[in-house]
Structures are given as C-alpha cells and as structure tokens.
Amino acid sequence: MQGMSPVTQGIVSALANQPKLLMKMRILSFGKNYDVMDPNQRVLCQVGLDAKQNITGQVVASAVSQLAGDYIGRWAGRSLAYTYLVRDPNGTVAIAINKGTGGNKAQFQIVDSASGASFGVIDLKRSLIGGLKANWVGPDGQTWLHTKGNIIRRKYAILGPDGRELGRVRHKILAIRDVWQLEFESGANHLFSAIFATILDFEKKM
C-alpha cells in the first residue's frame, strides 16, 4: 500500500498468506501488549500500549470510581487519549494508533510512524450495556473493515466493504495459555485485520 515504510512492509510480508494468527497477551507486563504469532508460535509483530499510559488510565479510573462509582470510573479511564504502537519482532515501531478523547465513542487514527501516511480511522462505539461496534474507514472515506458478532466474547467476524467475511476471531481452548486466534479468508489484509482485532480486544476490557 502507498505510504508504507520498509518496516511496515516487512510486517505485511511476514503476516501474508498465514491461514491464521495466534494472539497472545503478555501477562507479565505493566502495559497492554500482544504478541502476534504464526501457528508455530513465531512472533511476527507486536501491538501494545506502554506501561506509563496504561498505569495512568488505571489510576484515573480508580480515583474517579471511588468518588462516582465503577461505571463512571471506567468511563473516565477510557476517555483519555493514548497511543498504541505496532512493532516488528525487533521492537522497531512501524505504526502508531492514536486514540482521541472519548469514552463511549472514540476514534483511532492509524498512521505509519516513519512515512506519516494515514491508513484511515477506526470508529468505535460502546453501548450502555458494554457491547462494542467498530468500523475502519480508509482515507478515501470508504469502509474497509467492520464487525459482526459478539466482540466481548471473542466470537465475531471481520467483514470487508462488500459484507464478505475476511476473518474470524475465536477464543478456543488452546495449548498456549491466554491465546486467542484470528482466522483468515482470501483477500484479507492480515496486518489491518490483526490491528483491528487487537484494538477491539484491548478496548473491551476497559
């Protein structure tokens, strides 16, 4: 895709043609970090929020919860602006995912860190009962990806602009602890699908 830096292109190449990816949360981490792995558990890229931003959100949520209750506290924590980063296996930053302020509605700007090219915006909406809906809108104004199913339970499909299923998120009991998987159909953009699914997984916990 136009505007991708060599680091981003390297991740695209590593993910391409994988029938599925394994998404493993790093439990022993003060941030929020996922290793994106192939079926042989080889790390292909990483997506995460650093420890400082994560802890700041938790402190804000806790402080407000004590004054106004748990729901308002969680809303305050997720209303902060913060930035997720996509890195290659060596830790080199490829893409920044910049969340604007907003608790129940938020936008995530997707930007190539080296070239500055925009890869569009993820629009996320949260219902009062905790459900999530999301759309990835490209720089051309067209919907690239959207969801169908239960994001909270990790049982949903990622659909393309024409409504065709490009990927599925499933939380199966796997041999590797704390892992869920992302399966692909032909025509999927593996990197964008992985970013989409991982951001939704982070956000559903907030």
Protein backbone atom coordinates (compact mmCIF):
# COMPACT_ATOMS: atom_id res chain seq x y z
CA MET A 1 0.00 0.00 0.00
CA GLN A 2 1.20 3.52 -0.80
CA GLY A 3 2.98 5.25 2.06
CA MET A 4 4.11 2.14 3.92
CA SER A 5 7.61 2.36 5.32
CA PRO A 6 10.04 -0.57 4.88
CA VAL A 7 9.39 -1.65 8.49
CA THR A 8 5.64 -1.77 7.91
CA GLN A 9 6.11 -3.55 4.59
CA GLY A 10 8.24 -6.14 6.37
CA ILE A 11 5.43 -6.89 8.80
CA VAL A 12 2.92 -7.12 5.94
CA SER A 13 5.16 -9.66 4.22
CA ALA A 14 5.62 -11.69 7.40
CA LEU A 15 1.86 -11.91 8.00
CA ALA A 16 0.81 -12.50 4.40
CA ASN A 17 -0.56 -15.93 3.47
CA GLN A 18 -0.88 -17.09 7.08
CA PRO A 19 -4.12 -19.11 7.42
CA LYS A 20 -4.45 -17.89 11.00
CA LEU A 21 -2.61 -15.88 13.63
CA LEU A 22 -2.29 -16.55 17.34
CA MET A 23 -2.74 -13.51 19.56
CA LYS A 24 -1.01 -13.85 22.93
CA MET A 25 -1.36 -11.31 25.72
CA ARG A 26 1.82 -10.70 27.66
CA ILE A 27 0.65 -11.28 31.23
CA LEU A 28 3.88 -10.16 32.93
CA SER A 29 3.73 -6.65 31.51
CA PHE A 30 2.78 -3.33 33.06
CA GLY A 31 1.49 -2.22 29.70
CA LYS A 32 -1.06 -3.87 27.42
CA ASN A 33 0.87 -5.91 24.89
CA TYR A 34 0.07 -8.67 22.42
CA ASP A 35 2.48 -10.88 20.53
CA VAL A 36 1.04 -11.67 17.09
CA MET A 37 2.34 -15.15 16.21
CA ASP A 38 2.11 -17.66 13.39
CA PRO A 39 0.72 -21.17 14.11
CA ASN A 40 4.25 -22.26 15.10
CA GLN A 41 4.33 -19.56 17.80
CA ARG A 42 6.90 -17.43 15.98
CA VAL A 43 6.37 -13.74 16.81
CA LEU A 44 5.64 -11.74 13.65
CA CYS A 45 4.82 -8.40 15.23
CA GLN A 46 3.71 -6.80 18.49
CA VAL A 47 0.85 -4.45 19.31
CA GLY A 48 0.75 -2.63 22.60
CA LEU A 49 0.21 0.28 24.94
CA ASP A 50 3.21 1.25 27.06
CA ALA A 51 3.26 0.90 30.84
CA LYS A 52 3.08 4.64 31.59
CA GLN A 53 -0.10 5.20 29.59
CA ASN A 54 -1.70 2.01 30.89
CA ILE A 55 -0.98 2.82 34.54
CA THR A 56 -2.17 6.42 34.11
CA GLY A 57 -5.50 5.12 32.82
CA GLN A 58 -5.82 2.72 35.72
CA VAL A 59 -5.03 5.45 38.29
CA VAL A 60 -7.61 7.81 36.77
CA ALA A 61 -10.25 5.06 36.63
CA SER A 62 -9.60 4.05 40.25
CA ALA A 63 -9.66 7.62 41.58
CA VAL A 64 -12.92 8.51 39.82
CA SER A 65 -14.51 5.19 40.81
CA GLN A 66 -14.03 6.00 44.48
CA LEU A 67 -15.92 9.26 44.02
CA ALA A 68 -18.54 8.47 41.40
CA GLY A 69 -18.84 4.68 41.12
CA ASP A 70 -17.34 1.95 39.00
CA TYR A 71 -19.09 2.76 35.69
CA ILE A 72 -18.07 6.44 35.72
CA GLY A 73 -14.56 5.44 36.77
CA ARG A 74 -14.13 3.07 33.85
CA TRP A 75 -15.59 5.69 31.51
CA ALA A 76 -13.08 8.27 32.79
CA GLY A 77 -10.15 5.89 32.30
CA ARG A 78 -11.03 5.02 28.72
CA SER A 79 -11.83 8.67 27.87
CA LEU A 80 -8.13 9.56 27.92
CA ALA A 81 -6.16 9.99 24.71
CA TYR A 82 -3.42 7.40 24.26
CA THR A 83 -1.34 5.69 21.59
CA TYR A 84 -0.92 2.01 20.73
CA LEU A 85 2.18 1.05 18.76
CA VAL A 86 2.75 -1.73 16.23
CA ARG A 87 6.35 -3.00 16.27
CA ASP A 88 8.26 -5.59 14.30
CA PRO A 89 9.82 -8.58 16.17
CA ASN A 90 12.95 -6.49 16.85
CA GLY A 91 10.93 -3.78 18.57
CA THR A 92 11.12 -1.21 15.75
CA VAL A 93 7.97 0.93 15.60
CA ALA A 94 6.00 0.62 12.37
CA ILE A 95 2.54 2.08 13.03
CA ALA A 96 1.00 4.40 15.63
CA ILE A 97 -2.67 4.03 16.55
CA ASN A 98 -3.66 7.33 18.11
CA LYS A 99 -6.86 7.27 20.16
CA GLY A 100 -8.60 10.59 20.68
CA THR A 101 -10.55 11.51 23.79
CA GLY A 102 -13.90 9.81 24.24
CA GLY A 103 -15.33 7.12 26.46
CA ASN A 104 -18.31 5.55 24.72
CA LYS A 105 -17.39 6.90 21.28
CA ALA A 106 -13.81 7.18 20.14
CA GLN A 107 -11.69 7.47 17.01
CA PHE A 108 -8.32 5.82 16.41
CA GLN A 109 -6.08 7.42 13.78
CA ILE A 110 -3.82 4.84 12.06
CA VAL A 111 -0.52 6.35 10.91
CA ASP A 112 2.73 4.94 9.53
CA SER A 113 5.31 6.14 12.06
CA ALA A 114 8.15 6.64 9.55
CA SER A 115 6.37 7.97 6.47
CA GLY A 116 3.45 9.73 8.20
CA ALA A 117 0.99 8.15 5.75
CA SER A 118 -2.56 7.75 7.03
CA PHE A 119 -4.24 4.35 6.91
CA GLY A 120 -7.61 5.71 7.98
CA VAL A 121 -9.62 5.75 11.19
CA ILE A 122 -11.25 3.17 13.42
CA ASP A 123 -14.61 4.45 14.73
CA LEU A 124 -15.60 2.64 17.92
CA LYS A 125 -18.97 2.84 19.67
CA ARG A 126 -19.79 1.33 23.04
CA SER A 127 -23.35 0.66 24.20
CA LEU A 128 -24.54 1.33 27.75
CA ILE A 129 -24.56 -2.43 28.42
CA GLY A 130 -20.96 -2.83 27.28
CA GLY A 131 -21.31 -4.05 23.70
CA LEU A 132 -18.92 -2.77 21.04
CA LYS A 133 -19.24 -1.94 17.35
CA ALA A 134 -16.40 -0.78 15.13
CA ASN A 135 -15.72 0.39 11.59
CA TRP A 136 -12.37 1.03 9.92
CA VAL A 137 -12.81 3.88 7.44
CA GLY A 138 -9.99 4.44 4.93
CA PRO A 139 -8.51 7.78 3.87
CA ASP A 140 -10.79 7.60 0.84
CA GLY A 141 -13.86 7.74 3.12
CA GLN A 142 -14.88 4.16 2.34
CA THR A 143 -15.43 1.49 4.98
CA TRP A 144 -12.58 -1.01 4.84
CA LEU A 145 -13.49 -3.27 7.77
CA HIS A 146 -16.41 -3.70 10.15
CA THR A 147 -17.58 -6.29 12.64
CA LYS A 148 -20.45 -8.71 13.06
CA GLY A 149 -20.97 -10.77 16.20
CA ASN A 150 -20.03 -10.65 19.87
CA ILE A 151 -16.76 -8.78 20.37
CA ILE A 152 -16.94 -9.13 24.15
CA ARG A 153 -16.93 -12.94 23.92
CA ARG A 154 -14.40 -13.02 21.08
CA LYS A 155 -16.89 -14.62 18.71
CA TYR A 156 -17.22 -12.31 15.73
CA ALA A 157 -16.40 -11.86 12.07
CA ILE A 158 -14.41 -9.13 10.36
CA LEU A 159 -16.19 -8.08 7.19
CA GLY A 160 -14.96 -6.18 4.15
CA PRO A 161 -16.71 -3.20 2.49
CA ASP A 162 -18.96 -5.53 0.48
CA GLY A 163 -20.02 -7.50 3.57
CA ARG A 164 -17.86 -10.52 2.70
CA GLU A 165 -16.22 -12.26 5.65
CA LEU A 166 -12.45 -11.71 5.64
CA GLY A 167 -11.58 -13.05 9.08
CA ARG A 168 -12.95 -14.59 12.26
CA VAL A 169 -11.96 -14.14 15.88
CA ARG A 170 -12.35 -17.23 18.02
CA HIS A 171 -11.42 -17.86 21.63
CA LYS A 172 -10.70 -21.56 21.73
CA ILE A 173 -9.01 -23.55 24.46
CA LEU A 174 -5.53 -23.82 23.00
CA ALA A 175 -2.34 -25.44 24.22
CA ILE A 176 -0.86 -21.96 24.73
CA ARG A 177 -2.29 -20.10 27.71
CA ASP A 178 -4.01 -16.70 27.29
CA VAL A 179 -4.20 -17.00 23.50
CA TRP A 180 -6.99 -16.45 21.01
CA GLN A 181 -6.85 -16.85 17.28
CA LEU A 182 -7.65 -14.86 14.16
CA GLU A 183 -8.53 -16.93 11.08
CA PHE A 184 -8.46 -15.54 7.53
CA GLU A 185 -10.29 -15.88 4.24
CA SER A 186 -8.79 -14.97 0.88
CA GLY A 187 -8.49 -11.27 0.19
CA ALA A 188 -7.88 -10.28 3.80
CA ASN A 189 -5.34 -7.66 4.79
CA HIS A 190 -3.65 -9.62 7.57
CA LEU A 191 -1.94 -6.65 9.25
CA PHE A 192 -5.00 -4.42 9.29
CA SER A 193 -7.21 -7.28 10.48
CA ALA A 194 -4.75 -8.04 13.29
CA ILE A 195 -4.63 -4.37 14.33
CA PHE A 196 -8.44 -4.15 14.21
CA ALA A 197 -8.97 -7.27 16.31
CA THR A 198 -6.28 -6.41 18.85
CA ILE A 199 -7.52 -2.86 19.47
CA LEU A 200 -11.03 -4.20 19.99
CA ASP A 201 -9.70 -6.75 22.46
CA PHE A 202 -7.86 -4.09 24.43
CA GLU A 203 -10.86 -1.78 24.45
CA LYS A 204 -13.42 -4.37 25.53
CA LYS A 205 -11.56 -4.74 28.82
CA MET A 206 -11.71 -1.02 29.62
